[in-house]
């Protein structure tokens, strides 16, 4: 099986629960999802926004300090 790695990318992030993200996007939270899940809303360099569960975010991103 081939191995892959993601390219380094910079995002802006702010804590936001799954339920709050769904509300922000104007979506109805699916009945099989936990709205209390902690996570982050991400804004990518392209302007695209996405949501990441807290554990995934913390394992994938490191805060930049000035």
Protein backbone atom coordinates (compact mmCIF):
# COMPACT_ATOMS: atom_id res chain seq x y z
CA UNK A 1 0.00 0.00 0.00
CA UNK A 2 1.33 3.47 -0.85
CA UNK A 3 1.91 6.06 1.88
CA UNK A 4 0.82 9.70 1.70
CA UNK A 5 1.43 12.86 3.71
CA UNK A 6 -0.42 16.16 3.68
CA UNK A 7 1.38 19.29 2.61
CA UNK A 8 2.09 21.91 5.23
CA UNK A 9 -0.64 24.54 5.29
CA UNK A 10 -1.48 27.53 7.43
CA UNK A 11 -5.01 28.13 8.70
CA UNK A 12 -6.75 30.47 11.11
CA UNK A 13 -8.73 28.60 13.76
CA UNK A 14 -11.20 29.33 16.53
CA UNK A 15 -12.82 26.89 18.98
CA UNK A 16 -16.38 25.98 17.93
CA UNK A 17 -18.62 23.02 18.74
CA UNK A 18 -20.03 20.83 16.00
CA UNK A 19 -23.55 22.16 16.72
CA UNK A 20 -22.40 25.79 16.53
CA UNK A 21 -20.62 25.10 13.24
CA UNK A 22 -23.77 23.55 11.77
CA UNK A 23 -25.79 26.56 12.93
CA UNK A 24 -23.17 28.93 11.48
CA UNK A 25 -23.43 27.16 8.11
CA UNK A 26 -27.24 27.11 8.25
CA UNK A 27 -27.34 23.32 8.39
CA UNK A 28 -29.44 21.01 10.53
CA UNK A 29 -27.30 18.81 12.76
CA UNK A 30 -27.74 15.19 11.65
CA UNK A 31 -29.46 13.09 14.32
CA UNK A 32 -26.50 10.68 14.48
CA UNK A 33 -23.95 13.42 15.30
CA UNK A 34 -23.06 14.80 18.74
CA UNK A 35 -23.50 18.57 18.66
CA UNK A 36 -21.50 18.98 21.87
CA UNK A 37 -18.34 17.68 20.16
CA UNK A 38 -15.51 20.14 20.71
CA UNK A 39 -13.65 21.30 17.66
CA UNK A 40 -12.41 24.24 15.62
CA UNK A 41 -13.68 26.25 12.70
CA UNK A 42 -10.82 26.62 10.22
CA UNK A 43 -10.36 29.36 7.65
CA UNK A 44 -7.98 28.26 4.91
CA UNK A 45 -5.78 30.63 2.84
CA UNK A 46 -8.25 30.21 -0.04
CA UNK A 47 -11.06 31.55 2.18
CA UNK A 48 -12.71 28.12 2.44
CA UNK A 49 -14.06 27.29 5.89
CA UNK A 50 -14.26 23.85 7.46
CA UNK A 51 -14.66 22.24 10.85
CA UNK A 52 -12.25 19.85 12.55
CA UNK A 53 -12.81 17.75 15.67
CA UNK A 54 -10.56 18.88 18.54
CA UNK A 55 -8.40 15.73 18.62
CA UNK A 56 -7.77 15.84 14.86
CA UNK A 57 -7.00 19.55 14.97
CA UNK A 58 -4.53 19.17 17.84
CA UNK A 59 -2.73 16.30 16.12
CA UNK A 60 -2.59 18.07 12.73
CA UNK A 61 -1.80 21.68 13.62
CA UNK A 62 0.73 23.53 15.77
CA UNK A 63 0.17 27.15 16.83
CA UNK A 64 2.57 29.65 15.26
CA UNK A 65 4.09 32.16 17.63
CA UNK A 66 5.50 35.49 16.62
